[in-house]
Amino acid sequence: MNKTINQKGFTLIEMLVVIAVIGILAATVLTSLGPARDKAKDTRIINAVSQARNIMEANYNGTTGEYSEPSSISEITDLEGEASSNSGNLTVTRMDSNRSFKAYSPLASDSSTYYCVDSAGDTYTGTTDPGQNPNQPCPSN
């Protein structure tokens, strides 16, 4: 009496092996996405700094030759929140008796690297903190 059993499906060991392989692949993919997330945050921070420059230019008073106080501009406050939610710290300061400004923030991928723009149109990306000299434009590259 030879009975043949028609087995359909997977054994427990086969299922555990498949789950383990899927887990290893998922861990590998999630690990490799970390730097991509930081780059995306950096892009959002750079965008917020650049938008802050545009907003400050839009709030220039040609009659007095002065820029508006950044803290009184609601769009700047919104951009500070945007940068903060992406691990940045947007700072907009007026200089030279309010006749110039700079906007800067550390980047998410490396908090010792800063992105800075100023009213002269200069941009800077580097490790010198633009906040060290509050009355000076962005450092030179």
N, C-alpha and C. Protein backbone atom coordinates (compact mmCIF):
# COMPACT_ATOMS: atom_id res chain seq x y z
N MET A 1 0.82 -1.16 0.00
CA MET A 1 0.00 0.00 0.00
C MET A 1 0.87 1.24 0.00
N ASN A 2 1.00 1.77 -1.11
CA ASN A 2 1.78 2.98 -1.30
C ASN A 2 0.83 4.14 -1.54
N LYS A 3 0.77 5.03 -0.57
CA LYS A 3 -0.11 6.19 -0.72
C LYS A 3 0.74 7.39 -1.12
N THR A 4 0.31 8.07 -2.10
CA THR A 4 1.00 9.31 -2.48
C THR A 4 0.15 10.47 -1.99
N ILE A 5 0.83 11.35 -1.33
CA ILE A 5 0.15 12.53 -0.81
C ILE A 5 0.51 13.70 -1.71
N ASN A 6 -0.49 14.34 -2.20
CA ASN A 6 -0.28 15.51 -3.04
C ASN A 6 -0.09 16.71 -2.12
N GLN A 7 1.14 17.19 -2.01
CA GLN A 7 1.40 18.33 -1.15
C GLN A 7 1.41 19.60 -1.98
N LYS A 8 0.62 20.54 -1.56
CA LYS A 8 0.60 21.85 -2.19
C LYS A 8 0.87 22.87 -1.10
N GLY A 9 1.81 23.79 -1.37
CA GLY A 9 2.13 24.83 -0.39
C GLY A 9 3.58 24.76 0.01
N PHE A 10 3.90 25.50 1.03
CA PHE A 10 5.28 25.61 1.51
C PHE A 10 5.40 24.97 2.87
N THR A 11 6.59 24.50 3.18
CA THR A 11 6.84 24.01 4.53
C THR A 11 7.16 25.20 5.42
N LEU A 12 7.17 24.99 6.70
CA LEU A 12 7.45 26.06 7.65
C LEU A 12 8.87 26.60 7.44
N ILE A 13 9.82 25.75 7.20
CA ILE A 13 11.21 26.18 7.00
C ILE A 13 11.33 27.04 5.74
N GLU A 14 10.66 26.64 4.67
CA GLU A 14 10.70 27.45 3.44
C GLU A 14 10.12 28.84 3.69
N MET A 15 9.05 28.93 4.44
CA MET A 15 8.44 30.22 4.74
C MET A 15 9.38 31.09 5.58
N LEU A 16 10.04 30.48 6.57
CA LEU A 16 10.96 31.23 7.41
C LEU A 16 12.15 31.75 6.61
N VAL A 17 12.65 30.95 5.67
CA VAL A 17 13.76 31.38 4.82
C VAL A 17 13.33 32.57 3.96
N VAL A 18 12.14 32.51 3.38
CA VAL A 18 11.65 33.61 2.54
C VAL A 18 11.49 34.88 3.38
N ILE A 19 10.94 34.77 4.57
CA ILE A 19 10.76 35.93 5.44
C ILE A 19 12.12 36.52 5.83
N ALA A 20 13.09 35.69 6.12
CA ALA A 20 14.43 36.16 6.49
C ALA A 20 15.07 36.90 5.32
N VAL A 21 14.95 36.37 4.11
CA VAL A 21 15.52 37.03 2.92
C VAL A 21 14.84 38.38 2.70
N ILE A 22 13.53 38.44 2.82
CA ILE A 22 12.81 39.71 2.67
C ILE A 22 13.26 40.71 3.73
N GLY A 23 13.44 40.26 4.95
CA GLY A 23 13.92 41.13 6.03
C GLY A 23 15.29 41.70 5.75
N ILE A 24 16.20 40.87 5.25
CA ILE A 24 17.56 41.32 4.93
C ILE A 24 17.51 42.34 3.79
N LEU A 25 16.72 42.07 2.77
CA LEU A 25 16.59 43.02 1.66
C LEU A 25 15.99 44.35 2.12
N ALA A 26 14.97 44.29 2.96
CA ALA A 26 14.34 45.52 3.46
C ALA A 26 15.33 46.33 4.29
N ALA A 27 16.10 45.68 5.14
CA ALA A 27 17.09 46.39 5.95
C ALA A 27 18.15 47.05 5.08
N THR A 28 18.57 46.37 4.03
CA THR A 28 19.56 46.93 3.12
C THR A 28 19.02 48.17 2.40
N VAL A 29 17.80 48.09 1.93
CA VAL A 29 17.20 49.22 1.21
C VAL A 29 17.01 50.41 2.15
N LEU A 30 16.49 50.17 3.35
CA LEU A 30 16.26 51.26 4.29
C LEU A 30 17.56 51.91 4.73
N THR A 31 18.62 51.14 4.87
CA THR A 31 19.92 51.70 5.23
C THR A 31 20.46 52.60 4.13
N SER A 32 20.26 52.20 2.90
CA SER A 32 20.79 52.99 1.79
C SER A 32 19.97 54.24 1.53
N LEU A 33 18.74 54.33 2.06
CA LEU A 33 17.90 55.51 1.87
C LEU A 33 18.25 56.65 2.81
N GLY A 34 18.99 56.40 3.88
CA GLY A 34 19.35 57.43 4.86
C GLY A 34 20.04 58.63 4.23
N PRO A 35 21.13 58.43 3.47
CA PRO A 35 21.80 59.57 2.84
C PRO A 35 20.89 60.30 1.83
N ALA A 36 20.03 59.58 1.17
CA ALA A 36 19.12 60.21 0.21
C ALA A 36 18.14 61.13 0.94
N ARG A 37 17.69 60.71 2.12
CA ARG A 37 16.80 61.56 2.92
C ARG A 37 17.50 62.84 3.33
N ASP A 38 18.77 62.73 3.77
CA ASP A 38 19.53 63.91 4.16
C ASP A 38 19.74 64.86 2.98
N LYS A 39 19.99 64.31 1.81
CA LYS A 39 20.15 65.15 0.61
C LYS A 39 18.84 65.88 0.29
N ALA A 40 17.72 65.19 0.46
CA ALA A 40 16.43 65.83 0.22
C ALA A 40 16.19 66.94 1.23
N LYS A 41 16.56 66.73 2.49
CA LYS A 41 16.43 67.77 3.50
C LYS A 41 17.33 68.96 3.17
N ASP A 42 18.57 68.67 2.71
CA ASP A 42 19.48 69.74 2.31
C ASP A 42 18.86 70.59 1.20
N THR A 43 18.24 69.94 0.24
CA THR A 43 17.61 70.66 -0.87
C THR A 43 16.48 71.55 -0.36
N ARG A 44 15.70 71.06 0.58
CA ARG A 44 14.61 71.87 1.15
C ARG A 44 15.16 73.06 1.93
N ILE A 45 16.26 72.85 2.66
CA ILE A 45 16.88 73.94 3.41
C ILE A 45 17.43 75.00 2.46
N ILE A 46 18.14 74.55 1.41
CA ILE A 46 18.70 75.49 0.42
C ILE A 46 17.57 76.27 -0.24
N ASN A 47 16.48 75.60 -0.54
CA ASN A 47 15.32 76.26 -1.14
C ASN A 47 14.74 77.30 -0.18
N ALA A 48 14.65 76.99 1.11
CA ALA A 48 14.12 77.93 2.09
C ALA A 48 15.01 79.16 2.20
N VAL A 49 16.33 78.96 2.19
CA VAL A 49 17.26 80.09 2.27
C VAL A 49 17.12 80.97 1.02
N SER A 50 17.02 80.34 -0.14
CA SER A 50 16.88 81.09 -1.39
C SER A 50 15.55 81.84 -1.43
N GLN A 51 14.49 81.23 -0.94
CA GLN A 51 13.19 81.90 -0.90
C GLN A 51 13.24 83.08 0.07
N ALA A 52 13.96 82.93 1.18
CA ALA A 52 14.10 84.02 2.14
C ALA A 52 14.77 85.22 1.47
N ARG A 53 15.75 84.95 0.63
CA ARG A 53 16.41 86.05 -0.09
C ARG A 53 15.41 86.76 -1.00
N ASN A 54 14.62 86.00 -1.73
CA ASN A 54 13.62 86.59 -2.63
C ASN A 54 12.60 87.42 -1.85
N ILE A 55 12.17 86.92 -0.69
CA ILE A 55 11.19 87.63 0.12
C ILE A 55 11.80 88.92 0.68
N MET A 56 13.05 88.84 1.12
CA MET A 56 13.69 90.06 1.63
C MET A 56 13.83 91.10 0.51
N GLU A 57 14.17 90.66 -0.69
CA GLU A 57 14.28 91.60 -1.82
C GLU A 57 12.92 92.22 -2.13
N ALA A 58 11.85 91.44 -2.00
CA ALA A 58 10.51 91.96 -2.25
C ALA A 58 10.09 92.96 -1.18
N ASN A 59 10.72 92.91 -0.01
CA ASN A 59 10.39 93.82 1.09
C ASN A 59 11.45 94.91 1.26
N TYR A 60 12.08 95.27 0.16
CA TYR A 60 13.06 96.37 0.16
C TYR A 60 12.33 97.69 -0.06
N ASN A 61 12.64 98.66 0.75
CA ASN A 61 12.03 99.98 0.63
C ASN A 61 12.99 100.87 -0.16
N GLY A 62 12.65 101.12 -1.42
CA GLY A 62 13.51 101.92 -2.28
C GLY A 62 13.64 103.36 -1.83
N THR A 63 12.65 103.86 -1.12
CA THR A 63 12.69 105.25 -0.65
C THR A 63 13.73 105.43 0.45
N THR A 64 13.73 104.51 1.43
CA THR A 64 14.68 104.63 2.54
C THR A 64 15.97 103.84 2.29
N GLY A 65 15.92 102.93 1.31
CA GLY A 65 17.09 102.09 1.04
C GLY A 65 17.31 101.01 2.08
N GLU A 66 16.25 100.67 2.81
CA GLU A 66 16.37 99.68 3.88
C GLU A 66 15.50 98.45 3.61
N TYR A 67 15.91 97.34 4.21
CA TYR A 67 15.13 96.11 4.16
C TYR A 67 14.26 96.02 5.41
N SER A 68 13.10 95.40 5.26
CA SER A 68 12.19 95.22 6.39
C SER A 68 12.80 94.28 7.43
N GLU A 69 12.32 94.39 8.65
CA GLU A 69 12.75 93.50 9.72
C GLU A 69 12.25 92.08 9.40
N PRO A 70 13.16 91.10 9.30
CA PRO A 70 12.74 89.73 8.92
C PRO A 70 11.67 89.14 9.83
N SER A 71 11.76 89.43 11.14
CA SER A 71 10.79 88.83 12.07
C SER A 71 9.38 89.38 11.88
N SER A 72 9.25 90.50 11.16
CA SER A 72 7.92 91.06 10.92
C SER A 72 7.30 90.55 9.63
N ILE A 73 8.02 89.70 8.90
CA ILE A 73 7.54 89.17 7.63
C ILE A 73 7.07 87.74 7.86
N SER A 74 5.76 87.50 7.72
CA SER A 74 5.21 86.18 8.04
C SER A 74 5.79 85.07 7.17
N GLU A 75 6.12 85.39 5.90
CA GLU A 75 6.69 84.36 5.02
C GLU A 75 8.05 83.88 5.51
N ILE A 76 8.82 84.79 6.10
CA ILE A 76 10.13 84.41 6.66
C ILE A 76 9.92 83.47 7.84
N THR A 77 8.95 83.78 8.69
CA THR A 77 8.64 82.92 9.83
C THR A 77 8.23 81.53 9.36
N ASP A 78 7.44 81.46 8.27
CA ASP A 78 7.05 80.17 7.71
C ASP A 78 8.26 79.40 7.21
N LEU A 79 9.18 80.10 6.55
CA LEU A 79 10.39 79.45 6.03
C LEU A 79 11.29 78.96 7.16
N GLU A 80 11.33 79.70 8.27
CA GLU A 80 12.11 79.25 9.42
C GLU A 80 11.55 77.93 9.94
N GLY A 81 10.23 77.81 9.97
CA GLY A 81 9.60 76.55 10.38
C GLY A 81 9.89 75.42 9.41
N GLU A 82 9.87 75.73 8.11
CA GLU A 82 10.18 74.73 7.08
C GLU A 82 11.60 74.22 7.23
N ALA A 83 12.55 75.14 7.41
CA ALA A 83 13.95 74.73 7.58
C ALA A 83 14.12 73.92 8.86
N SER A 84 13.46 74.34 9.92
CA SER A 84 13.56 73.64 11.20
C SER A 84 13.01 72.21 11.09
N SER A 85 11.92 72.03 10.36
CA SER A 85 11.35 70.69 10.22
C SER A 85 12.24 69.78 9.38
N ASN A 86 13.22 70.36 8.70
CA ASN A 86 14.17 69.57 7.90
C ASN A 86 15.57 69.59 8.51
N SER A 87 15.64 69.79 9.82
CA SER A 87 16.90 69.77 10.59
C SER A 87 17.81 70.95 10.27
N GLY A 88 17.24 72.05 9.81
CA GLY A 88 18.02 73.26 9.56
C GLY A 88 17.68 74.31 10.59
N ASN A 89 18.30 75.48 10.46
CA ASN A 89 18.05 76.60 11.36
C ASN A 89 18.22 77.88 10.57
N LEU A 90 17.18 78.28 9.84
CA LEU A 90 17.24 79.47 9.00
C LEU A 90 17.37 80.72 9.85
N THR A 91 18.38 81.53 9.52
CA THR A 91 18.59 82.81 10.18
C THR A 91 18.68 83.88 9.12
N VAL A 92 17.89 84.93 9.28
CA VAL A 92 17.93 86.07 8.36
C VAL A 92 18.27 87.29 9.19
N THR A 93 19.37 87.98 8.85
CA THR A 93 19.80 89.15 9.60
C THR A 93 20.02 90.33 8.67
N ARG A 94 19.67 91.52 9.17
CA ARG A 94 19.96 92.74 8.43
C ARG A 94 21.32 93.27 8.89
N MET A 95 22.03 93.92 7.99
CA MET A 95 23.36 94.45 8.30
C MET A 95 23.47 95.86 7.72
N ASP A 96 24.57 96.51 8.02
CA ASP A 96 24.90 97.80 7.41
C ASP A 96 23.73 98.78 7.53
N SER A 97 23.31 99.03 8.77
CA SER A 97 22.19 99.94 9.04
C SER A 97 20.94 99.56 8.25
N ASN A 98 20.68 98.27 8.19
CA ASN A 98 19.49 97.70 7.53
C ASN A 98 19.50 97.86 6.01
N ARG A 99 20.66 98.15 5.43
CA ARG A 99 20.75 98.35 3.98
C ARG A 99 21.23 97.10 3.24
N SER A 100 21.48 96.04 3.98
CA SER A 100 21.84 94.75 3.37
C SER A 100 21.39 93.65 4.33
N PHE A 101 21.46 92.41 3.87
CA PHE A 101 21.02 91.28 4.70
C PHE A 101 21.76 90.03 4.26
N LYS A 102 21.66 89.00 5.08
CA LYS A 102 22.10 87.65 4.71
C LYS A 102 21.15 86.65 5.33
N ALA A 103 21.01 85.53 4.66
CA ALA A 103 20.16 84.43 5.13
C ALA A 103 21.01 83.17 5.06
N TYR A 104 21.00 82.37 6.12
CA TYR A 104 21.84 81.17 6.13
C TYR A 104 21.25 80.11 7.05
N SER A 105 21.74 78.87 6.84
CA SER A 105 21.31 77.75 7.67
C SER A 105 22.34 76.63 7.56
N PRO A 106 22.53 75.86 8.65
CA PRO A 106 23.33 74.64 8.51
C PRO A 106 22.53 73.61 7.71
N LEU A 107 23.24 72.70 7.07
CA LEU A 107 22.59 71.67 6.27
C LEU A 107 22.31 70.43 7.12
N ALA A 108 21.35 69.63 6.70
CA ALA A 108 20.95 68.43 7.46
C ALA A 108 21.98 67.32 7.36
N SER A 109 22.63 67.19 6.20
CA SER A 109 23.57 66.08 6.01
C SER A 109 24.84 66.27 6.81
N ASP A 110 25.20 67.53 7.12
CA ASP A 110 26.40 67.83 7.89
C ASP A 110 26.17 69.19 8.55
N SER A 111 25.88 69.19 9.85
CA SER A 111 25.51 70.44 10.53
C SER A 111 26.66 71.42 10.63
N SER A 112 27.87 71.02 10.24
CA SER A 112 28.99 71.96 10.24
C SER A 112 29.17 72.61 8.85
N THR A 113 28.29 72.28 7.91
CA THR A 113 28.30 72.91 6.59
C THR A 113 27.10 73.84 6.49
N TYR A 114 27.35 75.05 6.01
CA TYR A 114 26.32 76.09 5.93
C TYR A 114 26.05 76.48 4.50
N TYR A 115 24.81 76.92 4.26
CA TYR A 115 24.45 77.53 2.98
C TYR A 115 24.03 78.95 3.31
N CYS A 116 24.57 79.92 2.57
CA CYS A 116 24.33 81.33 2.86
C CYS A 116 24.11 82.10 1.56
N VAL A 117 23.17 83.04 1.58
CA VAL A 117 22.97 83.99 0.48
C VAL A 117 22.89 85.38 1.10
N ASP A 118 23.27 86.40 0.32
CA ASP A 118 23.18 87.76 0.85
C ASP A 118 22.61 88.71 -0.19
N SER A 119 22.40 89.95 0.22
CA SER A 119 21.76 90.93 -0.64
C SER A 119 22.62 91.32 -1.83
N ALA A 120 23.90 91.05 -1.79
CA ALA A 120 24.78 91.33 -2.93
C ALA A 120 24.64 90.25 -4.01
N GLY A 121 23.90 89.19 -3.71
CA GLY A 121 23.72 88.11 -4.67
C GLY A 121 24.74 86.99 -4.53
N ASP A 122 25.61 87.08 -3.53
CA ASP A 122 26.62 86.05 -3.32
C ASP A 122 26.02 84.85 -2.60
N THR A 123 26.51 83.68 -2.94
CA THR A 123 26.12 82.45 -2.25
C THR A 123 27.36 81.79 -1.69
N TYR A 124 27.19 81.05 -0.63
CA TYR A 124 28.31 80.38 0.03
C TYR A 124 27.84 79.03 0.54
N THR A 125 28.65 78.02 0.32
CA THR A 125 28.45 76.71 0.92
C THR A 125 29.80 76.30 1.49
N GLY A 126 29.87 76.14 2.80
CA GLY A 126 31.14 75.77 3.42
C GLY A 126 31.00 75.62 4.91
N THR A 127 32.13 75.46 5.58
CA THR A 127 32.12 75.16 7.01
C THR A 127 32.28 76.39 7.90
N THR A 128 32.53 77.56 7.31
CA THR A 128 32.61 78.77 8.12
C THR A 128 31.20 79.22 8.48
N ASP A 129 30.94 79.36 9.78
CA ASP A 129 29.61 79.75 10.25
C ASP A 129 29.36 81.23 9.92
N PRO A 130 28.38 81.52 9.05
CA PRO A 130 28.10 82.92 8.71
C PRO A 130 27.64 83.74 9.90
N GLY A 131 27.20 83.09 10.98
CA GLY A 131 26.76 83.81 12.17
C GLY A 131 27.90 84.30 13.04
N GLN A 132 29.13 83.88 12.76
CA GLN A 132 30.27 84.33 13.56
C GLN A 132 30.49 85.83 13.41
N ASN A 133 30.24 86.37 12.23
CA ASN A 133 30.38 87.79 11.97
C ASN A 133 29.02 88.34 11.54
N PRO A 134 28.18 88.70 12.52
CA PRO A 134 26.81 89.06 12.19
C PRO A 134 26.67 90.26 11.25
N ASN A 135 27.64 91.15 11.24
CA ASN A 135 27.55 92.35 10.40
C ASN A 135 28.35 92.23 9.12
N GLN A 136 28.75 91.02 8.76
CA GLN A 136 29.49 90.78 7.53
C GLN A 136 28.64 89.95 6.58
N PRO A 137 28.81 90.16 5.25
CA PRO A 137 28.07 89.31 4.31
C PRO A 137 28.54 87.86 4.39
N CYS A 138 28.00 87.01 3.53
CA CYS A 138 28.39 85.61 3.50
C CYS A 138 29.89 85.48 3.30
N PRO A 139 30.52 84.47 3.93
CA PRO A 139 31.95 84.24 3.70
C PRO A 139 32.19 83.93 2.22
N SER A 140 33.43 84.08 1.80
CA SER A 140 33.80 83.77 0.40
C SER A 140 34.06 82.29 0.27
N ASN A 141 33.75 81.75 -0.91
CA ASN A 141 34.04 80.33 -1.18
C ASN A 141 35.51 80.13 -1.41
